Amino acid sequence: MLVREQIEKLEGQILSPYASLSSKSRGRERDEPPCQYRTDYQRDRDRIIHCKAFRRLKHKTQVFLSPEGDHYRTRLTHTLEVSQIARTIARALRLNEDLTEAISLGHDLGHTPFGHAGERALNDVVDGGFRHYEQSVRVVEYLEKDGKGLNLTWEVRDGILHHTCDQHAETLEGRIVRVSDRIAYINHDIDDAIRAGVLSENDIPKDIREILGENRSTRIDTLVSSIVENSMDKNEICMDPDVSQAFDNLRDFMFEAVYKNPVAKGGESKVDGLIKRVFAYFIKNPSHLPDEYKNIAEKEGIQRAACDYIAGMTDNYLLDVYHHLFIPRSWEVKGINFTG
């Protein structure tokens, strides 16, 4: 018996009846020979970690634009925190930890530079709008590996697509990632906001602190414990009603205190203009796109190509492109620098 087959057999013995077994996956869009040592979900996790879009997450904004300091979250560290929380819940509930991890690591691959400000800017200019969860699926299905995609399993792609939209994932593992994403970003955004001097723990309403806890670690423990205790041996992922309500109230508080705070988010209007101007430039000048995006333009139109190009950029790369396109560059005459 192959190592993979032993793992698949073990999954059937120890995982919950509600778990998504690797051996029962709906499969990939293109059939592939199975791996001797890894299950399909383990292979998906590895493919995501090794892809270019995953590496670029380290240079994409989470909440604070260009913060001064090494300890603020990026889109990559957010992804890792989601994965840690989701795996903890999946293991406690005897669900498929490998599937949960793969969805977690892939859920934000399609996110824009400069966080949700970039997402809103593209949403304004792209016909049909722009949603990062749909772009994440596009990344793994098509954009990676020179248009071949990563050929991930149906369950991983379903979890990525539904991690933040109105519909829920088909698998419990995908639903765990959805709630883990919220747990991670709300709590680490509080941590970053405190570090930035935007708020303090005491600013969080007392009734929320009394239920969820007085600090980030306690809040996460309360939320994770509530999910595990209320979801054990059930075909759903849920919390205690009081904890769930306090969590919703905490999210509402964060929108008012941080996500709409002019101090914390003051630079976002600049991001809007920057992205829209770069987008408009490539719409008018499709020949200036890199070759791989010219091919997309020929097949799917210039809007799709410009959107894919910009959405995949890191913060600094977008600034470099903008500088190259619109900022006068220096030139040299007899050893003297001029700007023109």
C-alpha atoms as a PDB file:
ATOM      1  CA  MET A   1       0.000   0.000   0.000  1.00  0.00           C
ATOM      2  CA  LEU A   2       1.354   3.433  -0.972  1.00  0.00           C
ATOM      3  CA  VAL A   3       1.963   6.069   1.688  1.00  0.00           C
ATOM      4  CA  ARG A   4      -0.849   8.175   0.196  1.00  0.00           C
ATOM      5  CA  GLU A   5      -3.219   5.234   0.389  1.00  0.00           C
ATOM      6  CA  GLN A   6      -2.291   4.681   4.026  1.00  0.00           C
ATOM      7  CA  ILE A   7      -3.060   8.335   4.802  1.00  0.00           C
ATOM      8  CA  GLU A   8      -6.384   8.122   2.970  1.00  0.00           C
ATOM      9  CA  LYS A   9      -7.282   4.986   4.912  1.00  0.00           C
ATOM     10  CA  LEU A  10      -6.343   6.664   8.179  1.00  0.00           C
ATOM     11  CA  GLU A  11      -8.531   9.658   7.327  1.00  0.00           C
ATOM     12  CA  GLY A  12     -11.520   7.361   6.973  1.00  0.00           C
ATOM     13  CA  GLN A  13     -10.800   5.853  10.376  1.00  0.00           C
ATOM     14  CA  ILE A  14     -10.198   8.931  12.495  1.00  0.00           C
ATOM     15  CA  LEU A  15     -11.954  11.881  10.846  1.00  0.00           C
ATOM     16  CA  SER A  16     -15.516  12.976  11.523  1.00  0.00           C
ATOM     17  CA  PRO A  17     -18.330  11.617   9.335  1.00  0.00           C
ATOM     18  CA  TYR A  18     -18.760  15.225   8.201  1.00  0.00           C
ATOM     19  CA  ALA A  19     -15.129  15.617   7.084  1.00  0.00           C
ATOM     20  CA  SER A  20     -14.123  15.889   3.427  1.00  0.00           C
ATOM     21  CA  LEU A  21     -12.012  12.807   2.770  1.00  0.00           C
ATOM     22  CA  SER A  22      -9.141  13.133   0.310  1.00  0.00           C
ATOM     23  CA  SER A  23     -10.152   9.893  -1.370  1.00  0.00           C
ATOM     24  CA  LYS A  24     -13.657  11.267  -1.992  1.00  0.00           C
ATOM     25  CA  SER A  25     -12.633  14.513  -3.671  1.00  0.00           C
ATOM     26  CA  ARG A  26     -14.596  15.588  -6.730  1.00  0.00           C
ATOM     27  CA  GLY A  27     -11.219  15.815  -8.428  1.00  0.00           C
ATOM     28  CA  ARG A  28      -9.449  18.257 -10.693  1.00  0.00           C
ATOM     29  CA  GLU A  29     -10.465  19.850 -13.974  1.00  0.00           C
ATOM     30  CA  ARG A  30      -7.620  17.946 -15.637  1.00  0.00           C
ATOM     31  CA  ASP A  31      -6.907  14.396 -14.522  1.00  0.00           C
ATOM     32  CA  GLU A  32      -3.441  13.711 -13.132  1.00  0.00           C
ATOM     33  CA  PRO A  33      -1.679  10.607 -11.860  1.00  0.00           C
ATOM     34  CA  PRO A  34      -1.919  10.583  -8.049  1.00  0.00           C
ATOM     35  CA  CYS A  35       1.146  11.203  -5.896  1.00  0.00           C
ATOM     36  CA  GLN A  36       2.708   8.239  -4.094  1.00  0.00           C
ATOM     37  CA  TYR A  37       3.150  10.118  -0.819  1.00  0.00           C
ATOM     38  CA  ARG A  38       0.682  13.009  -0.653  1.00  0.00           C
ATOM     39  CA  THR A  39      -3.082  13.197  -0.785  1.00  0.00           C
ATOM     40  CA  ASP A  40      -4.726  15.508  -3.310  1.00  0.00           C
ATOM     41  CA  TYR A  41      -5.314  18.178  -0.661  1.00  0.00           C
ATOM     42  CA  GLN A  42      -1.707  18.027   0.483  1.00  0.00           C
ATOM     43  CA  ARG A  43      -0.578  18.500  -3.108  1.00  0.00           C
ATOM     44  CA  ASP A  44      -2.905  21.501  -3.446  1.00  0.00           C
ATOM     45  CA  ARG A  45      -1.424  23.071  -0.331  1.00  0.00           C
ATOM     46  CA  ASP A  46       2.097  22.591  -1.685  1.00  0.00           C
ATOM     47  CA  ARG A  47       1.209  24.025  -5.098  1.00  0.00           C
ATOM     48  CA  ILE A  48      -0.221  27.155  -3.478  1.00  0.00           C
ATOM     49  CA  ILE A  49       2.810  27.697  -1.247  1.00  0.00           C
ATOM     50  CA  HIS A  50       5.171  27.403  -4.209  1.00  0.00           C
ATOM     51  CA  CYS A  51       3.223  29.652  -6.606  1.00  0.00           C
ATOM     52  CA  LYS A  52       4.239  33.207  -7.504  1.00  0.00           C
ATOM     53  CA  ALA A  53       1.011  34.798  -6.295  1.00  0.00           C
ATOM     54  CA  PHE A  54       1.601  33.424  -2.798  1.00  0.00           C
ATOM     55  CA  ARG A  55       5.086  34.954  -2.625  1.00  0.00           C
ATOM     56  CA  ARG A  56       3.754  38.343  -3.707  1.00  0.00           C
ATOM     57  CA  LEU A  57       1.421  38.475  -0.691  1.00  0.00           C
ATOM     58  CA  LYS A  58       4.349  39.509   1.502  1.00  0.00           C
ATOM     59  CA  HIS A  59       4.430  42.881  -0.275  1.00  0.00           C
ATOM     60  CA  LYS A  60       0.686  43.575  -0.314  1.00  0.00           C
ATOM     61  CA  THR A  61      -1.093  45.790   2.219  1.00  0.00           C
ATOM     62  CA  GLN A  62      -3.378  44.232   4.808  1.00  0.00           C
ATOM     63  CA  VAL A  63      -4.949  47.358   6.403  1.00  0.00           C
ATOM     64  CA  PHE A  64      -2.381  50.101   6.987  1.00  0.00           C
ATOM     65  CA  LEU A  65      -0.845  51.603   3.855  1.00  0.00           C
ATOM     66  CA  SER A  66       2.971  51.684   3.872  1.00  0.00           C
ATOM     67  CA  PRO A  67       3.310  51.549   7.682  1.00  0.00           C
ATOM     68  CA  GLU A  68       6.585  52.571   9.286  1.00  0.00           C
ATOM     69  CA  GLY A  69       7.638  49.476  11.192  1.00  0.00           C
ATOM     70  CA  ASP A  70       8.336  45.799  10.634  1.00  0.00           C
ATOM     71  CA  HIS A  71       5.585  44.420  12.854  1.00  0.00           C
ATOM     72  CA  TYR A  72       2.457  45.399  10.942  1.00  0.00           C
ATOM     73  CA  ARG A  73       0.595  42.651   9.123  1.00  0.00           C
ATOM     74  CA  THR A  74       0.872  42.120   5.418  1.00  0.00           C
ATOM     75  CA  ARG A  75      -1.451  40.061   3.275  1.00  0.00           C
ATOM     76  CA  LEU A  76       0.951  37.124   3.713  1.00  0.00           C
ATOM     77  CA  THR A  77       1.100  37.231   7.507  1.00  0.00           C
ATOM     78  CA  HIS A  78      -2.686  37.579   7.561  1.00  0.00           C
ATOM     79  CA  THR A  79      -2.921  34.436   5.440  1.00  0.00           C
ATOM     80  CA  LEU A  80      -0.675  32.520   7.827  1.00  0.00           C
ATOM     81  CA  GLU A  81      -2.731  33.616  10.828  1.00  0.00           C
ATOM     82  CA  VAL A  82      -5.927  32.485   9.104  1.00  0.00           C
ATOM     83  CA  SER A  83      -4.311  29.130   8.407  1.00  0.00           C
ATOM     84  CA  GLN A  84      -3.240  28.678  12.035  1.00  0.00           C
ATOM     85  CA  ILE A  85      -6.696  29.462  13.428  1.00  0.00           C
ATOM     86  CA  ALA A  86      -8.484  27.351  10.815  1.00  0.00           C
ATOM     87  CA  ARG A  87      -6.218  24.343  11.357  1.00  0.00           C
ATOM     88  CA  THR A  88      -6.775  24.505  15.107  1.00  0.00           C
ATOM     89  CA  ILE A  89     -10.543  24.396  14.614  1.00  0.00           C
ATOM     90  CA  ALA A  90     -10.385  21.676  11.962  1.00  0.00           C
ATOM     91  CA  ARG A  91      -8.202  19.445  14.093  1.00  0.00           C
ATOM     92  CA  ALA A  92     -10.431  19.850  17.147  1.00  0.00           C
ATOM     93  CA  LEU A  93     -13.520  18.967  15.101  1.00  0.00           C
ATOM     94  CA  ARG A  94     -11.762  16.040  13.376  1.00  0.00           C
ATOM     95  CA  LEU A  95     -12.227  17.623   9.972  1.00  0.00           C
ATOM     96  CA  ASN A  96      -9.687  17.530   7.142  1.00  0.00           C
ATOM     97  CA  GLU A  97      -6.806  19.726   8.234  1.00  0.00           C
ATOM     98  CA  ASP A  98      -4.989  19.485   4.892  1.00  0.00           C
ATOM     99  CA  LEU A  99      -8.005  20.753   2.973  1.00  0.00           C
ATOM    100  CA  THR A 100      -8.529  23.518   5.525  1.00  0.00           C
ATOM    101  CA  GLU A 101      -4.905  24.588   5.216  1.00  0.00           C
ATOM    102  CA  ALA A 102      -4.951  24.613   1.420  1.00  0.00           C
ATOM    103  CA  ILE A 103      -8.062  26.824   1.323  1.00  0.00           C
ATOM    104  CA  SER A 104      -6.607  29.133   3.951  1.00  0.00           C
ATOM    105  CA  LEU A 105      -3.323  29.603   2.108  1.00  0.00           C
ATOM    106  CA  GLY A 106      -5.077  30.261  -1.204  1.00  0.00           C
ATOM    107  CA  HIS A 107      -7.995  32.422  -0.103  1.00  0.00           C
ATOM    108  CA  ASP A 108      -6.386  35.824  -0.789  1.00  0.00           C
ATOM    109  CA  LEU A 109      -4.159  35.058  -3.789  1.00  0.00           C
ATOM    110  CA  GLY A 110      -6.240  37.391  -5.958  1.00  0.00           C
ATOM    111  CA  HIS A 111      -6.154  40.360  -3.613  1.00  0.00           C
ATOM    112  CA  THR A 112      -5.098  43.690  -5.063  1.00  0.00           C
ATOM    113  CA  PRO A 113      -2.208  45.904  -4.022  1.00  0.00           C
ATOM    114  CA  PHE A 114      -3.086  48.312  -1.201  1.00  0.00           C
ATOM    115  CA  GLY A 115      -5.744  46.090   0.321  1.00  0.00           C
ATOM    116  CA  HIS A 116      -9.433  46.802   0.021  1.00  0.00           C
ATOM    117  CA  ALA A 117      -8.742  50.312  -1.290  1.00  0.00           C
ATOM    118  CA  GLY A 118      -7.265  48.685  -4.386  1.00  0.00           C
ATOM    119  CA  GLU A 119     -10.178  46.300  -4.611  1.00  0.00           C
ATOM    120  CA  ARG A 120     -12.696  49.156  -4.514  1.00  0.00           C
ATOM    121  CA  ALA A 121     -10.791  51.054  -7.200  1.00  0.00           C
ATOM    122  CA  LEU A 122     -10.801  48.116  -9.612  1.00  0.00           C
ATOM    123  CA  ASN A 123     -14.425  47.413  -8.790  1.00  0.00           C
ATOM    124  CA  ASP A 124     -15.282  50.928  -9.990  1.00  0.00           C
ATOM    125  CA  VAL A 125     -13.612  50.610 -13.393  1.00  0.00           C
ATOM    126  CA  VAL A 126     -13.967  46.961 -14.427  1.00  0.00           C
ATOM    127  CA  ASP A 127     -17.171  46.033 -16.239  1.00  0.00           C
ATOM    128  CA  GLY A 128     -19.056  43.649 -13.986  1.00  0.00           C
ATOM    129  CA  GLY A 129     -17.036  44.734 -10.964  1.00  0.00           C
ATOM    130  CA  PHE A 130     -14.073  43.190  -9.193  1.00  0.00           C
ATOM    131  CA  ARG A 131     -14.181  40.808  -6.247  1.00  0.00           C
ATOM    132  CA  HIS A 132     -10.938  39.479  -4.807  1.00  0.00           C
ATOM    133  CA  TYR A 133     -12.365  36.031  -4.011  1.00  0.00           C
ATOM    134  CA  GLU A 134     -13.287  35.529  -7.663  1.00  0.00           C
ATOM    135  CA  GLN A 135      -9.855  36.763  -8.694  1.00  0.00           C
ATOM    136  CA  SER A 136      -8.254  34.286  -6.281  1.00  0.00           C
ATOM    137  CA  VAL A 137     -10.010  31.467  -8.109  1.00  0.00           C
ATOM    138  CA  ARG A 138      -8.907  32.921 -11.433  1.00  0.00           C
ATOM    139  CA  VAL A 139      -5.314  32.952 -10.200  1.00  0.00           C
ATOM    140  CA  VAL A 140      -5.319  29.239  -9.353  1.00  0.00           C
ATOM    141  CA  GLU A 141      -7.417  28.156 -12.337  1.00  0.00           C
ATOM    142  CA  TYR A 142      -5.744  30.201 -15.047  1.00  0.00           C
ATOM    143  CA  LEU A 143      -3.145  32.868 -14.270  1.00  0.00           C
ATOM    144  CA  GLU A 144      -0.503  30.768 -12.530  1.00  0.00           C
ATOM    145  CA  LYS A 145       2.002  28.673 -14.478  1.00  0.00           C
ATOM    146  CA  ASP A 146       1.766  30.762 -17.662  1.00  0.00           C
ATOM    147  CA  GLY A 147      -1.951  30.287 -18.150  1.00  0.00           C
ATOM    148  CA  LYS A 148      -2.095  26.625 -17.140  1.00  0.00           C
ATOM    149  CA  GLY A 149      -3.241  27.272 -13.571  1.00  0.00           C
ATOM    150  CA  LEU A 150      -2.516  25.068 -10.566  1.00  0.00           C
ATOM    151  CA  ASN A 151      -5.231  22.514 -11.399  1.00  0.00           C
ATOM    152  CA  LEU A 152      -6.454  22.356  -7.792  1.00  0.00           C
ATOM    153  CA  THR A 153      -9.216  20.105  -6.532  1.00  0.00           C
ATOM    154  CA  TRP A 154     -12.826  21.234  -6.668  1.00  0.00           C
ATOM    155  CA  GLU A 155     -13.077  21.457  -2.867  1.00  0.00           C
ATOM    156  CA  VAL A 156     -10.157  23.855  -2.538  1.00  0.00           C
ATOM    157  CA  ARG A 157     -11.435  26.101  -5.309  1.00  0.00           C
ATOM    158  CA  ASP A 158     -14.922  26.078  -3.794  1.00  0.00           C
ATOM    159  CA  GLY A 159     -13.530  27.088  -0.399  1.00  0.00           C
ATOM    160  CA  ILE A 160     -11.475  29.916  -1.892  1.00  0.00           C
ATOM    161  CA  LEU A 161     -14.456  31.260  -3.828  1.00  0.00           C
ATOM    162  CA  HIS A 162     -16.813  31.234  -0.860  1.00  0.00           C
ATOM    163  CA  HIS A 163     -14.516  32.471   1.899  1.00  0.00           C
ATOM    164  CA  THR A 164     -16.147  35.897   1.954  1.00  0.00           C
ATOM    165  CA  CYS A 165     -19.070  36.064  -0.485  1.00  0.00           C
ATOM    166  CA  ASP A 166     -22.762  35.721   0.298  1.00  0.00           C
ATOM    167  CA  GLN A 167     -22.825  31.961  -0.246  1.00  0.00           C
ATOM    168  CA  HIS A 168     -21.156  29.375   1.979  1.00  0.00           C
ATOM    169  CA  ALA A 169     -18.671  26.729   0.917  1.00  0.00           C
ATOM    170  CA  GLU A 170     -19.938  23.219   0.313  1.00  0.00           C
ATOM    171  CA  THR A 171     -17.446  21.718   2.764  1.00  0.00           C
ATOM    172  CA  LEU A 172     -17.202  22.349   6.495  1.00  0.00           C
ATOM    173  CA  GLU A 173     -13.503  22.942   5.965  1.00  0.00           C
ATOM    174  CA  GLY A 174     -14.315  25.840   3.648  1.00  0.00           C
ATOM    175  CA  ARG A 175     -16.745  27.253   6.210  1.00  0.00           C
ATOM    176  CA  ILE A 176     -14.054  27.078   8.874  1.00  0.00           C
ATOM    177  CA  VAL A 177     -11.784  29.216   6.704  1.00  0.00           C
ATOM    178  CA  ARG A 178     -14.567  31.756   6.264  1.00  0.00           C
ATOM    179  CA  VAL A 179     -14.990  32.341  10.002  1.00  0.00           C
ATOM    180  CA  SER A 180     -11.239  32.032  10.668  1.00  0.00           C
ATOM    181  CA  ASP A 181     -10.607  34.819   8.165  1.00  0.00           C
ATOM    182  CA  ARG A 182     -12.883  37.119  10.192  1.00  0.00           C
ATOM    183  CA  ILE A 183     -11.360  36.062  13.502  1.00  0.00           C
ATOM    184  CA  ALA A 184      -7.862  36.705  12.192  1.00  0.00           C
ATOM    185  CA  TYR A 185      -8.336  40.063  10.512  1.00  0.00           C
ATOM    186  CA  ILE A 186     -10.482  41.665  13.206  1.00  0.00           C
ATOM    187  CA  ASN A 187      -8.101  40.705  15.984  1.00  0.00           C
ATOM    188  CA  HIS A 188      -4.841  41.443  14.215  1.00  0.00           C
ATOM    189  CA  ASP A 189      -6.256  44.708  12.898  1.00  0.00           C
ATOM    190  CA  ILE A 190      -6.968  45.696  16.504  1.00  0.00           C
ATOM    191  CA  ASP A 191      -3.363  44.809  17.348  1.00  0.00           C
ATOM    192  CA  ASP A 192      -2.012  46.872  14.453  1.00  0.00           C
ATOM    193  CA  ALA A 193      -4.326  49.793  15.261  1.00  0.00           C
ATOM    194  CA  ILE A 194      -3.084  49.820  18.852  1.00  0.00           C
ATOM    195  CA  ARG A 195       0.505  49.749  17.585  1.00  0.00           C
ATOM    196  CA  ALA A 196      -0.303  52.700  15.310  1.00  0.00           C
ATOM    197  CA  GLY A 197      -1.885  54.680  18.155  1.00  0.00           C
ATOM    198  CA  VAL A 198      -5.299  54.677  16.494  1.00  0.00           C
ATOM    199  CA  LEU A 199      -7.063  53.006  19.443  1.00  0.00           C
ATOM    200  CA  SER A 200      -6.449  51.175  22.725  1.00  0.00           C
ATOM    201  CA  GLU A 201      -7.945  48.016  24.213  1.00  0.00           C
ATOM    202  CA  ASN A 202     -10.039  50.195  26.539  1.00  0.00           C
ATOM    203  CA  ASP A 203     -11.681  51.827  23.518  1.00  0.00           C
ATOM    204  CA  ILE A 204     -13.399  48.529  22.730  1.00  0.00           C
ATOM    205  CA  PRO A 205     -16.883  48.678  24.286  1.00  0.00           C
ATOM    206  CA  LYS A 206     -17.011  47.105  27.732  1.00  0.00           C
ATOM    207  CA  ASP A 207     -19.882  44.745  26.917  1.00  0.00           C
ATOM    208  CA  ILE A 208     -17.818  43.236  24.081  1.00  0.00           C
ATOM    209  CA  ARG A 209     -14.744  42.853  26.285  1.00  0.00           C
ATOM    210  CA  GLU A 210     -16.771  41.174  29.012  1.00  0.00           C
ATOM    211  CA  ILE A 211     -17.838  38.420  26.597  1.00  0.00           C
ATOM    212  CA  LEU A 212     -14.836  38.025  24.298  1.00  0.00           C
ATOM    213  CA  GLY A 213     -11.973  39.020  26.589  1.00  0.00           C
ATOM    214  CA  GLU A 214      -9.598  41.864  27.336  1.00  0.00           C
ATOM    215  CA  ASN A 215      -6.864  41.139  24.787  1.00  0.00           C
ATOM    216  CA  ARG A 216      -6.230  39.575  21.390  1.00  0.00           C
ATOM    217  CA  SER A 217      -5.149  36.170  22.663  1.00  0.00           C
ATOM    218  CA  THR A 218      -8.165  35.816  24.949  1.00  0.00           C
ATOM    219  CA  ARG A 219     -10.574  36.947  22.234  1.00  0.00           C
ATOM    220  CA  ILE A 220      -9.246  34.431  19.722  1.00  0.00           C
ATOM    221  CA  ASP A 221      -9.388  31.667  22.330  1.00  0.00           C
ATOM    222  CA  THR A 222     -12.989  32.583  23.209  1.00  0.00           C
ATOM    223  CA  LEU A 223     -14.084  32.557  19.557  1.00  0.00           C
ATOM    224  CA  VAL A 224     -12.273  29.339  18.649  1.00  0.00           C
ATOM    225  CA  SER A 225     -13.554  27.581  21.775  1.00  0.00           C
ATOM    226  CA  SER A 226     -17.103  28.679  21.037  1.00  0.00           C
ATOM    227  CA  ILE A 227     -16.895  27.287  17.508  1.00  0.00           C
ATOM    228  CA  VAL A 228     -15.464  23.965  18.632  1.00  0.00           C
ATOM    229  CA  GLU A 229     -17.925  23.500  21.503  1.00  0.00           C
ATOM    230  CA  ASN A 230     -20.962  24.385  19.395  1.00  0.00           C
ATOM    231  CA  SER A 231     -19.946  22.593  16.180  1.00  0.00           C
ATOM    232  CA  MET A 232     -18.711  19.273  17.580  1.00  0.00           C
ATOM    233  CA  ASP A 233     -20.355  16.293  15.832  1.00  0.00           C
ATOM    234  CA  LYS A 234     -22.569  18.591  13.747  1.00  0.00           C
ATOM    235  CA  ASN A 235     -22.812  19.241  10.046  1.00  0.00           C
ATOM    236  CA  GLU A 236     -22.397  22.993  10.577  1.00  0.00           C
ATOM    237  CA  ILE A 237     -19.950  25.555  11.901  1.00  0.00           C
ATOM    238  CA  CYS A 238     -21.494  27.794  14.540  1.00  0.00           C
ATOM    239  CA  MET A 239     -20.891  29.757  17.760  1.00  0.00           C
ATOM    240  CA  ASP A 240     -22.772  30.399  20.948  1.00  0.00           C
ATOM    241  CA  PRO A 241     -25.355  33.137  20.137  1.00  0.00           C
ATOM    242  CA  ASP A 242     -23.968  35.586  22.736  1.00  0.00           C
ATOM    243  CA  VAL A 243     -20.405  35.141  21.490  1.00  0.00           C
ATOM    244  CA  SER A 244     -21.526  35.460  17.875  1.00  0.00           C
ATOM    245  CA  GLN A 245     -23.380  38.701  18.621  1.00  0.00           C
ATOM    246  CA  ALA A 246     -20.417  40.144  20.503  1.00  0.00           C
ATOM    247  CA  PHE A 247     -18.188  39.224  17.568  1.00  0.00           C
ATOM    248  CA  ASP A 248     -20.527  41.003  15.143  1.00  0.00           C
ATOM    249  CA  ASN A 249     -20.540  44.039  17.435  1.00  0.00           C
ATOM    250  CA  LEU A 250     -16.740  44.011  17.529  1.00  0.00           C
ATOM    251  CA  ARG A 251     -16.634  44.012  13.727  1.00  0.00           C
ATOM    252  CA  ASP A 252     -19.058  46.957  13.622  1.00  0.00           C
ATOM    253  CA  PHE A 253     -16.878  48.786  16.145  1.00  0.00           C
ATOM    254  CA  MET A 254     -13.783  48.209  14.004  1.00  0.00           C
ATOM    255  CA  PHE A 255     -15.461  49.658  10.931  1.00  0.00           C
ATOM    256  CA  GLU A 256     -16.170  52.883  12.767  1.00  0.00           C
ATOM    257  CA  ALA A 257     -12.956  53.081  14.785  1.00  0.00           C
ATOM    258  CA  VAL A 258     -10.384  51.860  12.250  1.00  0.00           C
ATOM    259  CA  TYR A 259     -11.647  50.940   8.785  1.00  0.00           C
ATOM    260  CA  LYS A 260     -13.302  54.354   8.332  1.00  0.00           C
ATOM    261  CA  ASN A 261     -10.808  56.267  10.486  1.00  0.00           C
ATOM    262  CA  PRO A 262      -9.334  59.192   8.503  1.00  0.00           C
ATOM    263  CA  VAL A 263      -6.005  58.874  10.320  1.00  0.00           C
ATOM    264  CA  ALA A 264      -5.641  55.159   9.625  1.00  0.00           C
ATOM    265  CA  LYS A 265      -7.089  55.260   6.113  1.00  0.00           C
ATOM    266  CA  GLY A 266      -6.223  58.767   4.971  1.00  0.00           C
ATOM    267  CA  GLY A 267      -4.034  57.626   2.088  1.00  0.00           C
ATOM    268  CA  GLU A 268      -6.661  55.470   0.431  1.00  0.00           C
ATOM    269  CA  SER A 269      -7.996  58.247  -1.792  1.00  0.00           C
ATOM    270  CA  LYS A 270      -4.543  58.424  -3.378  1.00  0.00           C
ATOM    271  CA  VAL A 271      -4.637  54.683  -4.051  1.00  0.00           C
ATOM    272  CA  ASP A 272      -7.966  55.099  -5.820  1.00  0.00           C
ATOM    273  CA  GLY A 273      -6.574  57.642  -8.261  1.00  0.00           C
ATOM    274  CA  LEU A 274      -3.333  55.778  -8.736  1.00  0.00           C
ATOM    275  CA  ILE A 275      -4.959  52.476  -9.707  1.00  0.00           C
ATOM    276  CA  LYS A 276      -7.621  54.044 -11.895  1.00  0.00           C
ATOM    277  CA  ARG A 277      -5.063  56.089 -13.797  1.00  0.00           C
ATOM    278  CA  VAL A 278      -2.826  53.064 -14.420  1.00  0.00           C
ATOM    279  CA  PHE A 279      -5.861  51.028 -15.492  1.00  0.00           C
ATOM    280  CA  ALA A 280      -6.958  53.749 -17.926  1.00  0.00           C
ATOM    281  CA  TYR A 281      -3.455  53.943 -19.368  1.00  0.00           C
ATOM    282  CA  PHE A 282      -3.337  50.253 -20.258  1.00  0.00           C
ATOM    283  CA  ILE A 283      -6.861  50.356 -21.683  1.00  0.00           C
ATOM    284  CA  LYS A 284      -5.626  53.033 -24.099  1.00  0.00           C
ATOM    285  CA  ASN A 285      -2.204  51.443 -24.623  1.00  0.00           C
ATOM    286  CA  PRO A 286      -2.631  47.652 -24.647  1.00  0.00           C
ATOM    287  CA  SER A 287       0.636  47.210 -26.549  1.00  0.00           C
ATOM    288  CA  HIS A 288       2.483  48.338 -23.406  1.00  0.00           C
ATOM    289  CA  LEU A 289       1.271  45.363 -21.384  1.00  0.00           C
ATOM    290  CA  PRO A 290       3.695  42.491 -20.721  1.00  0.00           C
ATOM    291  CA  ASP A 291       3.429  39.723 -23.302  1.00  0.00           C
ATOM    292  CA  GLU A 292       1.492  37.298 -21.076  1.00  0.00           C
ATOM    293  CA  TYR A 293      -1.213  39.926 -20.556  1.00  0.00           C
ATOM    294  CA  LYS A 294      -1.292  40.796 -24.251  1.00  0.00           C
ATOM    295  CA  ASN A 295      -2.283  37.183 -24.813  1.00  0.00           C
ATOM    296  CA  ILE A 296      -5.097  37.572 -22.280  1.00  0.00           C
ATOM    297  CA  ALA A 297      -6.213  40.766 -24.026  1.00  0.00           C
ATOM    298  CA  GLU A 298      -6.461  38.926 -27.341  1.00  0.00           C
ATOM    299  CA  LYS A 299      -8.555  36.131 -25.831  1.00  0.00           C
ATOM    300  CA  GLU A 300     -10.667  37.933 -23.225  1.00  0.00           C
ATOM    301  CA  GLY A 301     -10.366  41.652 -23.920  1.00  0.00           C
ATOM    302  CA  ILE A 302      -8.180  44.488 -22.741  1.00  0.00           C
ATOM    303  CA  GLN A 303     -10.191  45.153 -19.552  1.00  0.00           C
ATOM    304  CA  ARG A 304      -9.642  41.600 -18.347  1.00  0.00           C
ATOM    305  CA  ALA A 305      -5.921  41.799 -19.121  1.00  0.00           C
ATOM    306  CA  ALA A 306      -5.411  45.169 -17.413  1.00  0.00           C
ATOM    307  CA  CYS A 307      -7.374  43.980 -14.398  1.00  0.00           C
ATOM    308  CA  ASP A 308      -5.323  40.778 -14.071  1.00  0.00           C
ATOM    309  CA  TYR A 309      -2.069  42.714 -14.398  1.00  0.00           C
ATOM    310  CA  ILE A 310      -2.930  45.333 -11.781  1.00  0.00           C
ATOM    311  CA  ALA A 311      -4.561  42.911  -9.337  1.00  0.00           C
ATOM    312  CA  GLY A 312      -1.418  40.808  -9.320  1.00  0.00           C
ATOM    313  CA  MET A 313       0.919  43.709  -8.538  1.00  0.00           C
ATOM    314  CA  THR A 314       2.514  44.283  -5.151  1.00  0.00           C
ATOM    315  CA  ASP A 315       2.229  47.717  -3.557  1.00  0.00           C
ATOM    316  CA  ASN A 316       5.749  48.768  -4.532  1.00  0.00           C
ATOM    317  CA  TYR A 317       5.518  47.375  -8.045  1.00  0.00           C
ATOM    318  CA  LEU A 318       2.355  49.377  -8.681  1.00  0.00           C
ATOM    319  CA  LEU A 319       4.143  52.506  -7.471  1.00  0.00           C
ATOM    320  CA  ASP A 320       7.069  51.726  -9.775  1.00  0.00           C
ATOM    321  CA  VAL A 321       4.741  51.266 -12.760  1.00  0.00           C
ATOM    322  CA  TYR A 322       2.947  54.512 -11.948  1.00  0.00           C
ATOM    323  CA  HIS A 323       6.261  56.332 -11.607  1.00  0.00           C
ATOM    324  CA  HIS A 324       7.469  54.918 -14.919  1.00  0.00           C
ATOM    325  CA  LEU A 325       4.279  55.897 -16.750  1.00  0.00           C
ATOM    326  CA  PHE A 326       3.502  59.321 -15.288  1.00  0.00           C
ATOM    327  CA  ILE A 327       6.436  60.826 -13.362  1.00  0.00           C
ATOM    328  CA  PRO A 328       9.112  62.736 -15.318  1.00  0.00           C
ATOM    329  CA  ARG A 329      12.443  60.958 -15.245  1.00  0.00           C
ATOM    330  CA  SER A 330      15.917  62.456 -14.921  1.00  0.00           C
ATOM    331  CA  TRP A 331      18.267  62.652 -17.860  1.00  0.00           C
ATOM    332  CA  GLU A 332      21.928  63.566 -18.092  1.00  0.00           C
ATOM    333  CA  VAL A 333      23.815  66.104 -20.223  1.00  0.00           C
ATOM    334  CA  LYS A 334      27.576  66.515 -19.713  1.00  0.00           C
ATOM    335  CA  GLY A 335      27.409  65.029 -16.233  1.00  0.00           C
ATOM    336  CA  ILE A 336      24.577  67.286 -15.022  1.00  0.00           C
ATOM    337  CA  ASN A 337      21.257  65.737 -14.018  1.00  0.00           C
ATOM    338  CA  PHE A 338      18.047  67.335 -15.222  1.00  0.00           C
ATOM    339  CA  THR A 339      14.409  66.403 -14.813  1.00  0.00           C
ATOM    340  CA  GLY A 340      12.269  66.416 -17.905  1.00  0.00           C
END
